[in-house]
C-alpha atoms as a PDB file:
ATOM      1  CA  MET A   1     122.283 104.892  93.749  1.00  0.00           C
ATOM      2  CA  ALA A   2     125.526 104.899  92.266  1.00  0.00           C
ATOM      3  CA  PRO A   3     128.859 105.471  94.024  1.00  0.00           C
ATOM      4  CA  LYS A   4     130.549 108.943  93.900  1.00  0.00           C
ATOM      5  CA  THR A   5     133.551 108.644  92.100  1.00  0.00           C
ATOM      6  CA  ARG A   6     136.730 109.855  93.383  1.00  0.00           C
ATOM      7  CA  GLY A   7     137.629 113.390  91.993  1.00  0.00           C
ATOM      8  CA  PRO A   8     142.046 114.416  91.081  1.00  0.00           C
ATOM      9  CA  ARG A   9     141.910 115.557  94.862  1.00  0.00           C
ATOM     10  CA  ASP A  10     140.655 112.407  96.567  1.00  0.00           C
ATOM     11  CA  ARG A  11     143.654 110.424  94.319  1.00  0.00           C
ATOM     12  CA  ARG A  12     145.884 112.983  95.502  1.00  0.00           C
ATOM     13  CA  HIS A  13     145.795 112.393  99.248  1.00  0.00           C
ATOM     14  CA  ARG A  14     145.324 108.434  98.860  1.00  0.00           C
ATOM     15  CA  PRO A  15     149.326 108.018  98.280  1.00  0.00           C
ATOM     16  CA  ARG A  16     149.126 110.616 102.065  1.00  0.00           C
ATOM     17  CA  ALA A  17     146.911 108.493 104.282  1.00  0.00           C
ATOM     18  CA  ALA A  18     148.951 104.821 103.033  1.00  0.00           C
ATOM     19  CA  ALA A  19     152.136 106.707 104.879  1.00  0.00           C
ATOM     20  CA  ALA A  20     150.564 107.424 107.391  1.00  0.00           C
ATOM     21  CA  ARG A  21     148.952 104.035 107.839  1.00  0.00           C
ATOM     22  CA  ARG A  22     152.861 102.612 106.887  1.00  0.00           C
ATOM     23  CA  ARG A  23     154.111 105.385 110.236  1.00  0.00           C
ATOM     24  CA  ARG A  24     151.235 104.762 112.234  1.00  0.00           C
ATOM     25  CA  CYS A  25     152.258 101.878 115.295  1.00  0.00           C
ATOM     26  CA  ASP A  26     148.865 100.699 116.654  1.00  0.00           C
ATOM     27  CA  VAL A  27     148.369  98.346 119.910  1.00  0.00           C
ATOM     28  CA  CYS A  28     145.099  95.852 119.851  1.00  0.00           C
ATOM     29  CA  GLU A  29     143.537  95.203 123.155  1.00  0.00           C
ATOM     30  CA  HIS A  30     144.753  92.311 125.398  1.00  0.00           C
ATOM     31  CA  GLU A  31     148.002  91.986 123.335  1.00  0.00           C
ATOM     32  CA  ILE A  32     151.306  91.613 124.311  1.00  0.00           C
ATOM     33  CA  ARG A  33     153.249  94.248 122.019  1.00  0.00           C
ATOM     34  CA  ALA A  34     157.298  94.326 122.201  1.00  0.00           C
ATOM     35  CA  ILE A  35     159.125  97.477 120.433  1.00  0.00           C
ATOM     36  CA  ILE A  36     162.521  96.818 119.426  1.00  0.00           C
ATOM     37  CA  GLY A  37     165.320  98.313 117.494  1.00  0.00           C
ATOM     38  CA  PRO A  38     168.847  99.471 118.339  1.00  0.00           C
ATOM     39  CA  ASN A  39     169.867 101.890 120.412  1.00  0.00           C
ATOM     40  CA  GLY A  40     168.848 105.837 120.462  1.00  0.00           C
ATOM     41  CA  ALA A  41     165.966 104.129 117.797  1.00  0.00           C
ATOM     42  CA  GLY A  42     163.540 106.322 119.756  1.00  0.00           C
ATOM     43  CA  LYS A  43     162.169 103.559 121.479  1.00  0.00           C
ATOM     44  CA  SER A  44     161.771 104.730 125.149  1.00  0.00           C
ATOM     45  CA  SER A  45     160.879 108.605 123.119  1.00  0.00           C
ATOM     46  CA  MET A  46     157.958 106.412 121.965  1.00  0.00           C
ATOM     47  CA  LEU A  47     156.866 105.518 125.384  1.00  0.00           C
ATOM     48  CA  ASN A  48     158.172 109.170 127.390  1.00  0.00           C
ATOM     49  CA  CYS A  49     155.533 110.188 124.019  1.00  0.00           C
ATOM     50  CA  ILE A  50     152.348 107.483 124.920  1.00  0.00           C
ATOM     51  CA  ASN A  51     152.462 108.262 128.639  1.00  0.00           C
ATOM     52  CA  GLY A  52     152.687 112.089 128.951  1.00  0.00           C
ATOM     53  CA  VAL A  53     156.375 112.379 129.677  1.00  0.00           C
ATOM     54  CA  TYR A  54     157.860 114.088 126.297  1.00  0.00           C
ATOM     55  CA  GLN A  55     155.016 116.206 123.880  1.00  0.00           C
ATOM     56  CA  PRO A  56     155.098 115.248 120.314  1.00  0.00           C
ATOM     57  CA  GLN A  57     157.005 117.598 117.868  1.00  0.00           C
ATOM     58  CA  ALA A  58     154.115 115.694 115.460  1.00  0.00           C
ATOM     59  CA  GLY A  59     151.252 113.081 115.148  1.00  0.00           C
ATOM     60  CA  SER A  60     148.672 112.617 117.987  1.00  0.00           C
ATOM     61  CA  ILE A  61     148.386 109.442 120.401  1.00  0.00           C
ATOM     62  CA  ALA A  62     144.875 107.894 120.632  1.00  0.00           C
ATOM     63  CA  PHE A  63     143.619 105.432 123.500  1.00  0.00           C
ATOM     64  CA  ARG A  64     139.985 104.157 123.631  1.00  0.00           C
ATOM     65  CA  GLY A  65     138.642 106.571 120.733  1.00  0.00           C
ATOM     66  CA  LYS A  66     140.071 109.641 121.259  1.00  0.00           C
ATOM     67  CA  THR A  67     142.783 111.618 119.865  1.00  0.00           C
ATOM     68  CA  PHE A  68     145.176 113.692 122.128  1.00  0.00           C
ATOM     69  CA  ARG A  69     148.382 115.757 121.007  1.00  0.00           C
ATOM     70  CA  HIS A  70     148.782 116.808 124.708  1.00  0.00           C
ATOM     71  CA  MET A  71     148.708 115.182 127.725  1.00  0.00           C
ATOM     72  CA  SER A  72     150.350 115.431 131.542  1.00  0.00           C
ATOM     73  CA  SER A  73     151.126 112.260 132.917  1.00  0.00           C
ATOM     74  CA  ARG A  74     148.678 112.483 135.375  1.00  0.00           C
ATOM     75  CA  GLN A  75     145.961 112.851 132.703  1.00  0.00           C
ATOM     76  CA  VAL A  76     147.291 109.699 131.231  1.00  0.00           C
ATOM     77  CA  ALA A  77     147.770 107.838 134.506  1.00  0.00           C
ATOM     78  CA  GLU A  78     143.983 108.708 135.208  1.00  0.00           C
ATOM     79  CA  MET A  79     143.139 107.061 131.833  1.00  0.00           C
ATOM     80  CA  GLY A  80     144.333 103.819 133.392  1.00  0.00           C
ATOM     81  CA  VAL A  81     148.424 103.786 131.503  1.00  0.00           C
ATOM     82  CA  ALA A  82     151.240 102.586 133.971  1.00  0.00           C
ATOM     83  CA  ARG A  83     154.820 102.603 133.171  1.00  0.00           C
ATOM     84  CA  THR A  84     157.938 100.944 134.165  1.00  0.00           C
ATOM     85  CA  PHE A  85     161.568 102.737 133.651  1.00  0.00           C
ATOM     86  CA  GLN A  86     164.327 101.551 132.482  1.00  0.00           C
ATOM     87  CA  ASN A  87     166.727 102.936 135.396  1.00  0.00           C
ATOM     88  CA  LEU A  88     164.671 101.682 138.391  1.00  0.00           C
ATOM     89  CA  ALA A  89     162.750 105.270 140.969  1.00  0.00           C
ATOM     90  CA  LEU A  90     162.361 103.347 143.797  1.00  0.00           C
ATOM     91  CA  PHE A  91     162.025 104.539 147.197  1.00  0.00           C
ATOM     92  CA  LYS A  92     165.868 102.463 148.346  1.00  0.00           C
ATOM     93  CA  GLY A  93     165.218 104.100 152.157  1.00  0.00           C
ATOM     94  CA  MET A  94     161.086 102.370 152.049  1.00  0.00           C
ATOM     95  CA  SER A  95     160.206  99.169 152.650  1.00  0.00           C
ATOM     96  CA  VAL A  96     158.506  97.017 148.827  1.00  0.00           C
ATOM     97  CA  LEU A  97     155.185  97.098 150.503  1.00  0.00           C
ATOM     98  CA  ASP A  98     155.323 101.165 151.077  1.00  0.00           C
ATOM     99  CA  ASN A  99     156.751 101.313 147.279  1.00  0.00           C
ATOM    100  CA  ILE A 100     154.221  99.511 145.755  1.00  0.00           C
ATOM    101  CA  MET A 101     151.872 101.426 148.295  1.00  0.00           C
ATOM    102  CA  THR A 102     152.835 104.359 145.994  1.00  0.00           C
ATOM    103  CA  GLY A 103     151.261 103.188 143.088  1.00  0.00           C
ATOM    104  CA  ARG A 104     147.480 104.090 144.705  1.00  0.00           C
ATOM    105  CA  ASN A 105     148.089 107.482 145.309  1.00  0.00           C
ATOM    106  CA  LEU A 106     145.585 108.110 142.308  1.00  0.00           C
ATOM    107  CA  ARG A 107     143.113 106.078 143.822  1.00  0.00           C
ATOM    108  CA  MET A 108     142.796 107.765 147.048  1.00  0.00           C
ATOM    109  CA  LYS A 109     140.475 109.868 147.877  1.00  0.00           C
ATOM    110  CA  SER A 110     140.956 110.949 151.219  1.00  0.00           C
ATOM    111  CA  ASN A 111     143.515 114.323 151.423  1.00  0.00           C
ATOM    112  CA  LEU A 112     146.461 114.154 153.496  1.00  0.00           C
ATOM    113  CA  PHE A 113     145.696 115.766 156.000  1.00  0.00           C
ATOM    114  CA  LEU A 114     143.100 112.850 157.619  1.00  0.00           C
ATOM    115  CA  GLN A 115     145.590 110.118 155.589  1.00  0.00           C
ATOM    116  CA  ALA A 116     148.744 111.362 158.345  1.00  0.00           C
ATOM    117  CA  LEU A 117     145.992 110.786 160.648  1.00  0.00           C
ATOM    118  CA  ARG A 118     145.040 107.972 159.815  1.00  0.00           C
ATOM    119  CA  TRP A 119     141.389 108.631 160.883  1.00  0.00           C
ATOM    120  CA  GLY A 120     137.439 107.034 160.404  1.00  0.00           C
ATOM    121  CA  PRO A 121     137.224 106.768 156.425  1.00  0.00           C
ATOM    122  CA  ALA A 122     140.596 107.711 156.197  1.00  0.00           C
ATOM    123  CA  GLU A 123     142.103 104.435 158.039  1.00  0.00           C
ATOM    124  CA  ARG A 124     139.436 101.830 156.440  1.00  0.00           C
ATOM    125  CA  GLU A 125     140.301 103.557 152.709  1.00  0.00           C
ATOM    126  CA  GLU A 126     144.448 102.858 153.633  1.00  0.00           C
ATOM    127  CA  ILE A 127     143.407  99.586 154.585  1.00  0.00           C
ATOM    128  CA  ALA A 128     141.108  98.631 151.222  1.00  0.00           C
ATOM    129  CA  HIS A 129     144.474  99.404 149.370  1.00  0.00           C
ATOM    130  CA  ARG A 130     147.038  97.940 151.332  1.00  0.00           C
ATOM    131  CA  GLU A 131     144.624  94.487 150.858  1.00  0.00           C
ATOM    132  CA  VAL A 132     145.125  95.115 146.597  1.00  0.00           C
ATOM    133  CA  VAL A 133     148.736  95.851 147.377  1.00  0.00           C
ATOM    134  CA  GLU A 134     149.160  92.751 149.809  1.00  0.00           C
ATOM    135  CA  ARG A 135     147.533  90.606 146.967  1.00  0.00           C
ATOM    136  CA  ILE A 136     150.251  92.265 144.309  1.00  0.00           C
ATOM    137  CA  ILE A 137     152.942  91.142 146.566  1.00  0.00           C
ATOM    138  CA  ASP A 138     151.667  87.672 146.593  1.00  0.00           C
ATOM    139  CA  PHE A 139     151.193  87.550 142.923  1.00  0.00           C
ATOM    140  CA  LEU A 140     154.531  88.500 142.726  1.00  0.00           C
ATOM    141  CA  GLU A 141     156.086  86.104 144.551  1.00  0.00           C
ATOM    142  CA  ILE A 142     157.780  88.822 147.287  1.00  0.00           C
ATOM    143  CA  GLN A 143     155.992  88.327 150.528  1.00  0.00           C
ATOM    144  CA  VAL A 144     159.368  87.104 152.357  1.00  0.00           C
ATOM    145  CA  TRP A 145     160.513  90.353 152.237  1.00  0.00           C
ATOM    146  CA  ARG A 146     157.202  92.878 152.309  1.00  0.00           C
ATOM    147  CA  LYS A 147     159.219  94.632 154.822  1.00  0.00           C
ATOM    148  CA  THR A 148     162.385  94.913 153.132  1.00  0.00           C
ATOM    149  CA  PRO A 149     163.986  98.352 152.465  1.00  0.00           C
ATOM    150  CA  VAL A 150     164.034  98.256 148.778  1.00  0.00           C
ATOM    151  CA  GLY A 151     167.560  98.960 148.435  1.00  0.00           C
ATOM    152  CA  ARG A 152     168.871  95.958 150.086  1.00  0.00           C
ATOM    153  CA  LEU A 153     167.161  93.415 147.666  1.00  0.00           C
ATOM    154  CA  PRO A 154     168.626  91.932 145.125  1.00  0.00           C
ATOM    155  CA  TYR A 155     168.362  94.139 140.752  1.00  0.00           C
ATOM    156  CA  GLY A 156     166.181  91.392 139.746  1.00  0.00           C
ATOM    157  CA  LEU A 157     163.829  91.843 142.487  1.00  0.00           C
ATOM    158  CA  GLN A 158     163.620  95.933 142.708  1.00  0.00           C
ATOM    159  CA  LYS A 159     162.961  94.999 138.928  1.00  0.00           C
ATOM    160  CA  ARG A 160     159.397  93.391 140.474  1.00  0.00           C
ATOM    161  CA  VAL A 161     159.043  95.934 143.343  1.00  0.00           C
ATOM    162  CA  ASP A 162     159.023  98.136 140.162  1.00  0.00           C
ATOM    163  CA  LEU A 163     156.629  96.353 138.622  1.00  0.00           C
ATOM    164  CA  GLY A 164     154.674  95.632 141.952  1.00  0.00           C
ATOM    165  CA  ARG A 165     153.986  99.351 141.461  1.00  0.00           C
ATOM    166  CA  ALA A 166     153.207 100.044 138.401  1.00  0.00           C
ATOM    167  CA  LEU A 167     150.102  97.029 139.104  1.00  0.00           C
ATOM    168  CA  ALA A 168     149.115  98.549 141.798  1.00  0.00           C
ATOM    169  CA  MET A 169     147.220 101.335 139.965  1.00  0.00           C
ATOM    170  CA  GLU A 170     145.327  99.049 137.843  1.00  0.00           C
ATOM    171  CA  PRO A 171     146.220  99.809 134.513  1.00  0.00           C
ATOM    172  CA  THR A 172     144.505  98.779 131.517  1.00  0.00           C
ATOM    173  CA  LEU A 173     147.531  99.540 129.536  1.00  0.00           C
ATOM    174  CA  LEU A 174     151.207  98.691 131.291  1.00  0.00           C
ATOM    175  CA  LEU A 175     154.252 100.263 129.629  1.00  0.00           C
ATOM    176  CA  LEU A 176     157.370  98.188 129.863  1.00  0.00           C
ATOM    177  CA  ASP A 177     160.642 100.102 129.399  1.00  0.00           C
ATOM    178  CA  GLU A 178     163.298  97.232 129.316  1.00  0.00           C
ATOM    179  CA  PRO A 179     161.559  95.039 132.029  1.00  0.00           C
ATOM    180  CA  MET A 180     164.516  92.326 131.856  1.00  0.00           C
ATOM    181  CA  ALA A 181     167.253  94.562 131.432  1.00  0.00           C
ATOM    182  CA  GLY A 182     170.323  93.272 133.815  1.00  0.00           C
ATOM    183  CA  MET A 183     169.115  90.007 134.768  1.00  0.00           C
ATOM    184  CA  ASN A 184     170.302  86.770 134.762  1.00  0.00           C
ATOM    185  CA  VAL A 185     168.705  83.773 132.547  1.00  0.00           C
ATOM    186  CA  GLU A 186     166.126  82.545 136.277  1.00  0.00           C
ATOM    187  CA  GLU A 187     165.258  86.264 137.036  1.00  0.00           C
ATOM    188  CA  LYS A 188     164.094  86.654 133.174  1.00  0.00           C
ATOM    189  CA  GLN A 189     162.360  83.440 132.719  1.00  0.00           C
ATOM    190  CA  ASP A 190     159.866  84.355 136.251  1.00  0.00           C
ATOM    191  CA  MET A 191     160.210  87.900 134.795  1.00  0.00           C
ATOM    192  CA  CYS A 192     158.305  86.614 131.361  1.00  0.00           C
ATOM    193  CA  ARG A 193     155.786  84.306 133.675  1.00  0.00           C
ATOM    194  CA  PHE A 194     155.042  87.725 135.612  1.00  0.00           C
ATOM    195  CA  ILE A 195     154.100  89.881 131.967  1.00  0.00           C
ATOM    196  CA  LEU A 196     152.848  86.483 130.572  1.00  0.00           C
ATOM    197  CA  ASP A 197     150.499  86.217 133.947  1.00  0.00           C
ATOM    198  CA  VAL A 198     149.471  90.113 134.170  1.00  0.00           C
ATOM    199  CA  ASN A 199     148.504  89.982 130.552  1.00  0.00           C
ATOM    200  CA  ASP A 200     146.846  86.343 130.940  1.00  0.00           C
ATOM    201  CA  GLU A 201     144.643  86.963 134.123  1.00  0.00           C
ATOM    202  CA  PHE A 202     144.780  90.874 134.794  1.00  0.00           C
ATOM    203  CA  GLY A 203     144.020  91.182 131.193  1.00  0.00           C
ATOM    204  CA  THR A 204     146.479  94.016 130.592  1.00  0.00           C
ATOM    205  CA  THR A 205     147.070  95.000 127.302  1.00  0.00           C
ATOM    206  CA  ILE A 206     151.297  95.451 127.519  1.00  0.00           C
ATOM    207  CA  VAL A 207     153.827  96.911 125.570  1.00  0.00           C
ATOM    208  CA  LEU A 208     157.313  96.709 126.108  1.00  0.00           C
ATOM    209  CA  ILE A 209     160.681  97.548 124.985  1.00  0.00           C
ATOM    210  CA  GLU A 210     163.107  94.894 124.911  1.00  0.00           C
ATOM    211  CA  HIS A 211     166.838  93.962 123.906  1.00  0.00           C
ATOM    212  CA  ASP A 212     166.582  90.401 124.640  1.00  0.00           C
ATOM    213  CA  MET A 213     165.272  88.742 120.998  1.00  0.00           C
ATOM    214  CA  GLY A 214     164.143  85.493 122.830  1.00  0.00           C
ATOM    215  CA  VAL A 215     161.955  86.839 125.365  1.00  0.00           C
ATOM    216  CA  VAL A 216     160.384  88.700 122.569  1.00  0.00           C
ATOM    217  CA  MET A 217     159.848  86.338 119.894  1.00  0.00           C
ATOM    218  CA  ASP A 218     158.803  83.702 122.956  1.00  0.00           C
ATOM    219  CA  ILE A 219     156.045  86.198 124.890  1.00  0.00           C
ATOM    220  CA  CYS A 220     155.214  89.038 122.194  1.00  0.00           C
ATOM    221  CA  ASP A 221     152.166  88.611 119.463  1.00  0.00           C
ATOM    222  CA  ARG A 222     153.314  91.345 117.666  1.00  0.00           C
ATOM    223  CA  VAL A 223     156.516  93.341 117.130  1.00  0.00           C
ATOM    224  CA  VAL A 224     157.480  96.836 115.722  1.00  0.00           C
ATOM    225  CA  VAL A 225     160.635  97.762 114.875  1.00  0.00           C
ATOM    226  CA  LEU A 226     161.738 101.463 114.433  1.00  0.00           C
ATOM    227  CA  ASP A 227     165.479 102.587 112.979  1.00  0.00           C
ATOM    228  CA  TYR A 228     166.366 106.859 114.240  1.00  0.00           C
ATOM    229  CA  GLY A 229     162.514 107.112 114.458  1.00  0.00           C
ATOM    230  CA  LYS A 230     160.984 105.341 111.603  1.00  0.00           C
ATOM    231  CA  LYS A 231     158.974 102.464 111.742  1.00  0.00           C
ATOM    232  CA  ILE A 232     160.638  99.619 109.421  1.00  0.00           C
ATOM    233  CA  GLY A 233     159.256  96.852 110.221  1.00  0.00           C
ATOM    234  CA  ASP A 234     155.636  95.362 111.740  1.00  0.00           C
ATOM    235  CA  GLY A 235     153.868  92.211 112.196  1.00  0.00           C
ATOM    236  CA  THR A 236     154.526  88.989 114.340  1.00  0.00           C
ATOM    237  CA  PRO A 237     157.867  88.108 115.706  1.00  0.00           C
ATOM    238  CA  ASP A 238     158.090  85.356 112.683  1.00  0.00           C
ATOM    239  CA  ALA A 239     157.427  88.069 110.308  1.00  0.00           C
ATOM    240  CA  VAL A 240     159.886  90.883 111.449  1.00  0.00           C
ATOM    241  CA  ARG A 241     162.492  87.948 112.473  1.00  0.00           C
ATOM    242  CA  GLY A 242     162.152  87.887 108.021  1.00  0.00           C
ATOM    243  CA  ASN A 243     161.953  91.080 107.323  1.00  0.00           C
ATOM    244  CA  ALA A 244     165.399  91.815 105.388  1.00  0.00           C
ATOM    245  CA  GLU A 245     165.283  95.392 106.361  1.00  0.00           C
ATOM    246  CA  VAL A 246     165.127  95.138 110.197  1.00  0.00           C
ATOM    247  CA  ILE A 247     167.869  92.157 109.459  1.00  0.00           C
ATOM    248  CA  LYS A 248     170.528  94.194 108.056  1.00  0.00           C
ATOM    249  CA  ALA A 249     169.232  97.128 110.658  1.00  0.00           C
ATOM    250  CA  TYR A 250     169.276  95.171 113.927  1.00  0.00           C
ATOM    251  CA  LEU A 251     168.706  91.576 114.213  1.00  0.00           C
ATOM    252  CA  GLY A 252     171.708  90.925 112.132  1.00  0.00           C
ATOM    253  CA  THR A 253     172.904  88.039 109.602  1.00  0.00           C
ATOM    254  CA  THR A 254     173.636  84.917 110.842  1.00  0.00           C
ATOM    255  CA  ASP A 255     176.494  84.283 107.669  1.00  0.00           C
END
């Protein structure tokens, strides 16, 4: 059978489809995907739309073959998406262990009354969840501080606890909003190592916002660049670094 020829209607919609592809930002399974751009470019807003904090005014979000327009943060979490925030939102008076335990909340089946009594199935469930949290604490190398109130820890360690709480959800997609912000060189190196290990050992897909271009170029598979909510660059770190529009809007020149 001869292929069906395209009529005027098909041709008319082709530029619209091409424009949609140019605006789209995709994330491949098991990659580390960076979002960069000037302040106010819409980076955190994009993450907020993905994890249900904001509702997008236009467009949609597709995850594992399903397309969504409106989702709550709980629905997103139940689908396997976890998030850390630029400004830490830890429980400063609670221990490291208890802060990370809060990340297990969605996986707890016992009701609050049984959890408070720590009786029967609730006690066994809590023991199982604590074993998961202890493994995360070992992975992040914060065993020494496991019973220390988070508010007493240096900023770099608090960021590690924040990562641990997200990992406690056992996410398939991890959203990191400026995980290196405010860190010194040694702390950044440690965090880079943990992010790479999470991606490699747990198989977690990672999307991160980061201003340190050395970090982005070293650990990310692909980079998307935003400027005032518009995508101006997308590709490998080397391709983005050589993009004239990206250089003009964000990276700057060496002249």
